[in-house]
């Protein structure tokens, strides 16, 4: 069983904000399979740093607008 990542993302919202881009469209633009995009959106897979930057570049936003890591509670 795969442990979910704590990294969350705004991929789905960004895709819809950019002309309702499909998961397949995004996958083609970053050179991965649609299944990889699905896994990232669902938090089952964390992309490499390079892929994360590619995704942010597709949407023309900073990395922090796509991926979020929760603050640690003291």
PDB file of N, CA and C in Angstrom:
ATOM      1  N   UNK A   1       0.845  -1.183   0.000  1.00  0.00           N
ATOM      2  CA  UNK A   1       0.000   0.000   0.000  1.00  0.00           C
ATOM      3  C   UNK A   1       0.891   1.247   0.000  1.00  0.00           C
ATOM      4  N   UNK A   2       0.562   2.218  -0.838  1.00  0.00           N
ATOM      5  CA  UNK A   2       1.342   3.435  -0.974  1.00  0.00           C
ATOM      6  C   UNK A   2       0.886   4.448   0.059  1.00  0.00           C
ATOM      7  N   UNK A   3       1.856   5.010   0.786  1.00  0.00           N
ATOM      8  CA  UNK A   3       1.539   6.034   1.775  1.00  0.00           C
ATOM      9  C   UNK A   3       1.305   7.359   1.063  1.00  0.00           C
ATOM     10  N   UNK A   4       0.155   8.013   1.293  1.00  0.00           N
ATOM     11  CA  UNK A   4      -0.113   9.292   0.635  1.00  0.00           C
ATOM     12  C   UNK A   4       0.907  10.350   1.073  1.00  0.00           C
ATOM     13  N   UNK A   5       1.202  11.255   0.187  1.00  0.00           N
ATOM     14  CA  UNK A   5       2.122  12.340   0.489  1.00  0.00           C
ATOM     15  C   UNK A   5       1.400  13.440   1.251  1.00  0.00           C
ATOM     16  N   UNK A   6       2.139  14.217   2.031  1.00  0.00           N
ATOM     17  CA  UNK A   6       1.544  15.357   2.740  1.00  0.00           C
ATOM     18  C   UNK A   6       1.479  16.581   1.840  1.00  0.00           C
ATOM     19  N   UNK A   7       2.126  16.514   0.702  1.00  0.00           N
ATOM     20  CA  UNK A   7       2.098  17.622  -0.240  1.00  0.00           C
ATOM     21  C   UNK A   7       0.726  17.649  -0.911  1.00  0.00           C
ATOM     22  N   UNK A   8       0.084  18.814  -0.877  1.00  0.00           N
ATOM     23  CA  UNK A   8      -1.192  18.968  -1.568  1.00  0.00           C
ATOM     24  C   UNK A   8      -0.957  19.840  -2.799  1.00  0.00           C
ATOM     25  N   UNK A   9      -1.963  19.912  -3.652  1.00  0.00           N
ATOM     26  CA  UNK A   9      -1.779  20.697  -4.871  1.00  0.00           C
ATOM     27  C   UNK A   9      -3.095  21.296  -5.335  1.00  0.00           C
ATOM     28  N   UNK A  10      -2.956  22.226  -6.262  1.00  0.00           N
ATOM     29  CA  UNK A  10      -4.101  22.917  -6.851  1.00  0.00           C
ATOM     30  C   UNK A  10      -4.243  22.578  -8.335  1.00  0.00           C
ATOM     31  N   UNK A  11      -3.769  21.406  -8.728  1.00  0.00           N
ATOM     32  CA  UNK A  11      -3.774  21.059 -10.151  1.00  0.00           C
ATOM     33  C   UNK A  11      -5.157  21.108 -10.772  1.00  0.00           C
ATOM     34  N   UNK A  12      -6.112  20.494 -10.121  1.00  0.00           N
ATOM     35  CA  UNK A  12      -7.465  20.450 -10.701  1.00  0.00           C
ATOM     36  C   UNK A  12      -8.010  21.862 -10.911  1.00  0.00           C
ATOM     37  N   UNK A  13      -7.885  22.709  -9.897  1.00  0.00           N
ATOM     38  CA  UNK A  13      -8.379  24.093 -10.013  1.00  0.00           C
ATOM     39  C   UNK A  13      -7.636  24.847 -11.110  1.00  0.00           C
ATOM     40  N   UNK A  14      -6.327  24.661 -11.190  1.00  0.00           N
ATOM     41  CA  UNK A  14      -5.543  25.340 -12.223  1.00  0.00           C
ATOM     42  C   UNK A  14      -5.924  24.854 -13.621  1.00  0.00           C
ATOM     43  N   UNK A  15      -6.153  23.555 -13.760  1.00  0.00           N
ATOM     44  CA  UNK A  15      -6.554  23.027 -15.074  1.00  0.00           C
ATOM     45  C   UNK A  15      -7.858  23.667 -15.529  1.00  0.00           C
ATOM     46  N   UNK A  16      -8.832  23.779 -14.616  1.00  0.00           N
ATOM     47  CA  UNK A  16     -10.120  24.347 -14.984  1.00  0.00           C
ATOM     48  C   UNK A  16     -10.024  25.852 -15.209  1.00  0.00           C
ATOM     49  N   UNK A  17      -9.128  26.514 -14.486  1.00  0.00           N
ATOM     50  CA  UNK A  17      -8.942  27.946 -14.676  1.00  0.00           C
ATOM     51  C   UNK A  17      -8.237  28.266 -15.995  1.00  0.00           C
ATOM     52  N   UNK A  18      -7.588  27.275 -16.573  1.00  0.00           N
ATOM     53  CA  UNK A  18      -6.875  27.464 -17.841  1.00  0.00           C
ATOM     54  C   UNK A  18      -7.609  26.742 -18.975  1.00  0.00           C
ATOM     55  N   UNK A  19      -8.834  27.140 -19.187  1.00  0.00           N
ATOM     56  CA  UNK A  19      -9.616  26.615 -20.309  1.00  0.00           C
ATOM     57  C   UNK A  19     -10.036  25.177 -20.171  1.00  0.00           C
ATOM     58  N   UNK A  20     -10.252  24.743 -18.947  1.00  0.00           N
ATOM     59  CA  UNK A  20     -10.658  23.365 -18.674  1.00  0.00           C
ATOM     60  C   UNK A  20      -9.706  22.369 -19.323  1.00  0.00           C
ATOM     61  N   UNK A  21      -8.407  22.585 -19.123  1.00  0.00           N
ATOM     62  CA  UNK A  21      -7.378  21.681 -19.624  1.00  0.00           C
ATOM     63  C   UNK A  21      -7.625  20.281 -19.052  1.00  0.00           C
ATOM     64  N   UNK A  22      -7.546  19.278 -19.891  1.00  0.00           N
ATOM     65  CA  UNK A  22      -7.753  17.913 -19.419  1.00  0.00           C
ATOM     66  C   UNK A  22      -6.474  17.371 -18.788  1.00  0.00           C
ATOM     67  N   UNK A  23      -6.641  16.296 -18.039  1.00  0.00           N
ATOM     68  CA  UNK A  23      -5.474  15.628 -17.463  1.00  0.00           C
ATOM     69  C   UNK A  23      -4.557  15.138 -18.583  1.00  0.00           C
ATOM     70  N   UNK A  24      -5.141  14.663 -19.659  1.00  0.00           N
ATOM     71  CA  UNK A  24      -4.350  14.185 -20.798  1.00  0.00           C
ATOM     72  C   UNK A  24      -3.569  15.326 -21.445  1.00  0.00           C
ATOM     73  N   UNK A  25      -4.191  16.502 -21.561  1.00  0.00           N
ATOM     74  CA  UNK A  25      -3.494  17.667 -22.125  1.00  0.00           C
ATOM     75  C   UNK A  25      -2.287  18.041 -21.276  1.00  0.00           C
ATOM     76  N   UNK A  26      -2.486  18.103 -19.960  1.00  0.00           N
ATOM     77  CA  UNK A  26      -1.387  18.440 -19.064  1.00  0.00           C
ATOM     78  C   UNK A  26      -0.294  17.380 -19.155  1.00  0.00           C
ATOM     79  N   UNK A  27      -0.682  16.128 -19.160  1.00  0.00           N
ATOM     80  CA  UNK A  27       0.289  15.032 -19.248  1.00  0.00           C
ATOM     81  C   UNK A  27       1.146  15.157 -20.506  1.00  0.00           C
ATOM     82  N   UNK A  28       0.524  15.450 -21.621  1.00  0.00           N
ATOM     83  CA  UNK A  28       1.259  15.607 -22.879  1.00  0.00           C
ATOM     84  C   UNK A  28       2.244  16.766 -22.789  1.00  0.00           C
ATOM     85  N   UNK A  29       1.815  17.859 -22.188  1.00  0.00           N
ATOM     86  CA  UNK A  29       2.679  19.050 -22.108  1.00  0.00           C
ATOM     87  C   UNK A  29       3.886  18.851 -21.211  1.00  0.00           C
ATOM     88  N   UNK A  30       3.782  17.960 -20.214  1.00  0.00           N
ATOM     89  CA  UNK A  30       4.924  17.747 -19.318  1.00  0.00           C
ATOM     90  C   UNK A  30       5.615  16.402 -19.563  1.00  0.00           C
ATOM     91  N   UNK A  31       5.125  15.648 -20.534  1.00  0.00           N
ATOM     92  CA  UNK A  31       5.804  14.413 -20.940  1.00  0.00           C
ATOM     93  C   UNK A  31       5.614  13.223 -20.019  1.00  0.00           C
ATOM     94  N   UNK A  32       4.414  13.096 -19.440  1.00  0.00           N
ATOM     95  CA  UNK A  32       4.101  11.942 -18.592  1.00  0.00           C
ATOM     96  C   UNK A  32       2.777  11.339 -19.042  1.00  0.00           C
ATOM     97  N   UNK A  33       2.351  10.278 -18.381  1.00  0.00           N
ATOM     98  CA  UNK A  33       1.064   9.668 -18.712  1.00  0.00           C
ATOM     99  C   UNK A  33      -0.062  10.366 -17.949  1.00  0.00           C
ATOM    100  N   UNK A  34      -1.263  10.195 -18.442  1.00  0.00           N
ATOM    101  CA  UNK A  34      -2.443  10.730 -17.764  1.00  0.00           C
ATOM    102  C   UNK A  34      -2.552  10.135 -16.358  1.00  0.00           C
ATOM    103  N   UNK A  35      -2.183   8.878 -16.210  1.00  0.00           N
ATOM    104  CA  UNK A  35      -2.245   8.215 -14.913  1.00  0.00           C
ATOM    105  C   UNK A  35      -1.330   8.904 -13.896  1.00  0.00           C
ATOM    106  N   UNK A  36      -0.194   9.416 -14.363  1.00  0.00           N
ATOM    107  CA  UNK A  36       0.720  10.140 -13.473  1.00  0.00           C
ATOM    108  C   UNK A  36       0.070  11.432 -12.993  1.00  0.00           C
ATOM    109  N   UNK A  37      -0.576  12.151 -13.897  1.00  0.00           N
ATOM    110  CA  UNK A  37      -1.264  13.389 -13.516  1.00  0.00           C
ATOM    111  C   UNK A  37      -2.371  13.077 -12.516  1.00  0.00           C
ATOM    112  N   UNK A  38      -3.123  12.024 -12.744  1.00  0.00           N
ATOM    113  CA  UNK A  38      -4.185  11.618 -11.810  1.00  0.00           C
ATOM    114  C   UNK A  38      -3.598  11.352 -10.431  1.00  0.00           C
ATOM    115  N   UNK A  39      -2.502  10.601 -10.377  1.00  0.00           N
ATOM    116  CA  UNK A  39      -1.870  10.260  -9.097  1.00  0.00           C
ATOM    117  C   UNK A  39      -1.371  11.505  -8.369  1.00  0.00           C
ATOM    118  N   UNK A  40      -0.823  12.467  -9.115  1.00  0.00           N
ATOM    119  CA  UNK A  40      -0.363  13.717  -8.503  1.00  0.00           C
ATOM    120  C   UNK A  40      -1.557  14.480  -7.937  1.00  0.00           C
ATOM    121  N   UNK A  41      -2.611  14.625  -8.739  1.00  0.00           N
ATOM    122  CA  UNK A  41      -3.813  15.350  -8.285  1.00  0.00           C
ATOM    123  C   UNK A  41      -4.404  14.732  -7.033  1.00  0.00           C
ATOM    124  N   UNK A  42      -4.398  13.416  -6.950  1.00  0.00           N
ATOM    125  CA  UNK A  42      -4.999  12.714  -5.815  1.00  0.00           C
ATOM    126  C   UNK A  42      -4.068  12.612  -4.615  1.00  0.00           C
ATOM    127  N   UNK A  43      -2.851  13.132  -4.744  1.00  0.00           N
ATOM    128  CA  UNK A  43      -1.911  13.095  -3.630  1.00  0.00           C
ATOM    129  C   UNK A  43      -1.291  11.739  -3.389  1.00  0.00           C
ATOM    130  N   UNK A  44      -1.360  10.869  -4.385  1.00  0.00           N
ATOM    131  CA  UNK A  44      -0.765   9.539  -4.255  1.00  0.00           C
ATOM    132  C   UNK A  44       0.670   9.514  -4.769  1.00  0.00           C
ATOM    133  N   UNK A  45       1.115  10.603  -5.387  1.00  0.00           N
ATOM    134  CA  UNK A  45       2.451  10.664  -5.977  1.00  0.00           C
ATOM    135  C   UNK A  45       2.961  12.100  -5.926  1.00  0.00           C
ATOM    136  N   UNK A  46       4.206  12.259  -5.481  1.00  0.00           N
ATOM    137  CA  UNK A  46       4.841  13.574  -5.501  1.00  0.00           C
ATOM    138  C   UNK A  46       5.763  13.632  -6.706  1.00  0.00           C
ATOM    139  N   UNK A  47       5.605  14.626  -7.547  1.00  0.00           N
ATOM    140  CA  UNK A  47       6.464  14.720  -8.726  1.00  0.00           C
ATOM    141  C   UNK A  47       7.882  15.110  -8.338  1.00  0.00           C
ATOM    142  N   UNK A  48       8.805  14.838  -9.239  1.00  0.00           N
ATOM    143  CA  UNK A  48      10.176  15.301  -9.034  1.00  0.00           C
ATOM    144  C   UNK A  48      10.164  16.829  -9.030  1.00  0.00           C
ATOM    145  N   UNK A  49      11.241  17.406  -8.542  1.00  0.00           N
ATOM    146  CA  UNK A  49      11.336  18.862  -8.526  1.00  0.00           C
ATOM    147  C   UNK A  49      11.262  19.422  -9.938  1.00  0.00           C
ATOM    148  N   UNK A  50      11.931  18.763 -10.879  1.00  0.00           N
ATOM    149  CA  UNK A  50      11.903  19.219 -12.269  1.00  0.00           C
ATOM    150  C   UNK A  50      10.482  19.179 -12.829  1.00  0.00           C
ATOM    151  N   UNK A  51       9.760  18.080 -12.568  1.00  0.00           N
ATOM    152  CA  UNK A  51       8.389  17.975 -13.063  1.00  0.00           C
ATOM    153  C   UNK A  51       7.490  19.019 -12.405  1.00  0.00           C
ATOM    154  N   UNK A  52       7.702  19.283 -11.120  1.00  0.00           N
ATOM    155  CA  UNK A  52       6.909  20.292 -10.428  1.00  0.00           C
ATOM    156  C   UNK A  52       7.095  21.657 -11.083  1.00  0.00           C
ATOM    157  N   UNK A  53       8.348  21.997 -11.425  1.00  0.00           N
ATOM    158  CA  UNK A  53       8.595  23.268 -12.098  1.00  0.00           C
ATOM    159  C   UNK A  53       7.976  23.287 -13.493  1.00  0.00           C
ATOM    160  N   UNK A  54       8.004  22.160 -14.191  1.00  0.00           N
ATOM    161  CA  UNK A  54       7.378  22.090 -15.518  1.00  0.00           C
ATOM    162  C   UNK A  54       5.879  22.356 -15.409  1.00  0.00           C
ATOM    163  N   UNK A  55       5.252  21.761 -14.403  1.00  0.00           N
ATOM    164  CA  UNK A  55       3.815  21.955 -14.206  1.00  0.00           C
ATOM    165  C   UNK A  55       3.518  23.427 -13.933  1.00  0.00           C
ATOM    166  N   UNK A  56       4.280  24.039 -13.038  1.00  0.00           N
ATOM    167  CA  UNK A  56       4.078  25.456 -12.725  1.00  0.00           C
ATOM    168  C   UNK A  56       4.266  26.310 -13.976  1.00  0.00           C
ATOM    169  N   UNK A  57       5.256  25.964 -14.798  1.00  0.00           N
ATOM    170  CA  UNK A  57       5.524  26.711 -16.029  1.00  0.00           C
ATOM    171  C   UNK A  57       4.347  26.624 -17.003  1.00  0.00           C
ATOM    172  N   UNK A  58       3.730  25.445 -17.105  1.00  0.00           N
ATOM    173  CA  UNK A  58       2.574  25.277 -17.995  1.00  0.00           C
ATOM    174  C   UNK A  58       1.475  26.275 -17.630  1.00  0.00           C
ATOM    175  N   UNK A  59       1.269  26.485 -16.333  1.00  0.00           N
ATOM    176  CA  UNK A  59       0.209  27.383 -15.884  1.00  0.00           C
ATOM    177  C   UNK A  59       0.674  28.825 -15.725  1.00  0.00           C
ATOM    178  N   UNK A  60       1.978  29.047 -15.849  1.00  0.00           N
ATOM    179  CA  UNK A  60       2.514  30.404 -15.726  1.00  0.00           C
ATOM    180  C   UNK A  60       2.399  30.970 -14.325  1.00  0.00           C
ATOM    181  N   UNK A  61       2.555  30.105 -13.334  1.00  0.00           N
ATOM    182  CA  UNK A  61       2.441  30.529 -11.934  1.00  0.00           C
ATOM    183  C   UNK A  61       3.665  30.047 -11.156  1.00  0.00           C
ATOM    184  N   UNK A  62       3.918  30.643  -9.975  1.00  0.00           N
ATOM    185  CA  UNK A  62       5.019  30.164  -9.143  1.00  0.00           C
ATOM    186  C   UNK A  62       4.724  28.762  -8.598  1.00  0.00           C
ATOM    187  N   UNK A  63       5.753  28.051  -8.265  1.00  0.00           N
ATOM    188  CA  UNK A  63       5.628  26.694  -7.731  1.00  0.00           C
ATOM    189  C   UNK A  63       4.690  26.644  -6.524  1.00  0.00           C
ATOM    190  N   UNK A  64       4.758  27.672  -5.684  1.00  0.00           N
ATOM    191  CA  UNK A  64       3.935  27.710  -4.472  1.00  0.00           C
ATOM    192  C   UNK A  64       2.439  27.835  -4.764  1.00  0.00           C
ATOM    193  N   UNK A  65       2.094  28.261  -5.973  1.00  0.00           N
ATOM    194  CA  UNK A  65       0.684  28.328  -6.353  1.00  0.00           C
ATOM    195  C   UNK A  65       0.144  26.976  -6.791  1.00  0.00           C
ATOM    196  N   UNK A  66       1.045  26.033  -7.041  1.00  0.00           N
ATOM    197  CA  UNK A  66       0.639  24.699  -7.481  1.00  0.00           C
ATOM    198  C   UNK A  66       0.708  23.701  -6.333  1.00  0.00           C
ATOM    199  N   UNK A  67       1.838  23.700  -5.626  1.00  0.00           N
ATOM    200  CA  UNK A  67       2.076  22.704  -4.572  1.00  0.00           C
ATOM    201  C   UNK A  67       2.166  23.369  -3.209  1.00  0.00           C
ATOM    202  N   UNK A  68       1.626  22.682  -2.200  1.00  0.00           N
ATOM    203  CA  UNK A  68       1.563  23.217  -0.838  1.00  0.00           C
ATOM    204  C   UNK A  68       2.020  22.141   0.145  1.00  0.00           C
ATOM    205  N   UNK A  69       2.870  22.540   1.080  1.00  0.00           N
ATOM    206  CA  UNK A  69       3.329  21.625   2.120  1.00  0.00           C
ATOM    207  C   UNK A  69       2.880  22.193   3.457  1.00  0.00           C
ATOM    208  N   UNK A  70       2.198  21.406   4.280  1.00  0.00           N
ATOM    209  CA  UNK A  70       1.642  21.945   5.523  1.00  0.00           C
ATOM    210  C   UNK A  70       2.734  22.397   6.489  1.00  0.00           C
ATOM    211  N   UNK A  71       2.450  23.476   7.184  1.00  0.00           N
ATOM    212  CA  UNK A  71       3.360  23.974   8.220  1.00  0.00           C
ATOM    213  C   UNK A  71       3.359  22.993   9.389  1.00  0.00           C
ATOM    214  N   UNK A  72       4.527  22.818   9.979  1.00  0.00           N
ATOM    215  CA  UNK A  72       4.628  21.961  11.173  1.00  0.00           C
ATOM    216  C   UNK A  72       4.094  22.728  12.370  1.00  0.00           C
ATOM    217  N   UNK A  73       3.341  22.059  13.204  1.00  0.00           N
ATOM    218  CA  UNK A  73       2.845  22.688  14.442  1.00  0.00           C
ATOM    219  C   UNK A  73       3.911  22.562  15.522  1.00  0.00           C
ATOM    220  N   UNK A  74       4.186  23.652  16.239  1.00  0.00           N
ATOM    221  CA  UNK A  74       5.224  23.588  17.294  1.00  0.00           C
ATOM    222  C   UNK A  74       4.790  22.756  18.469  1.00  0.00           C
TER     223      UNK A  74
END
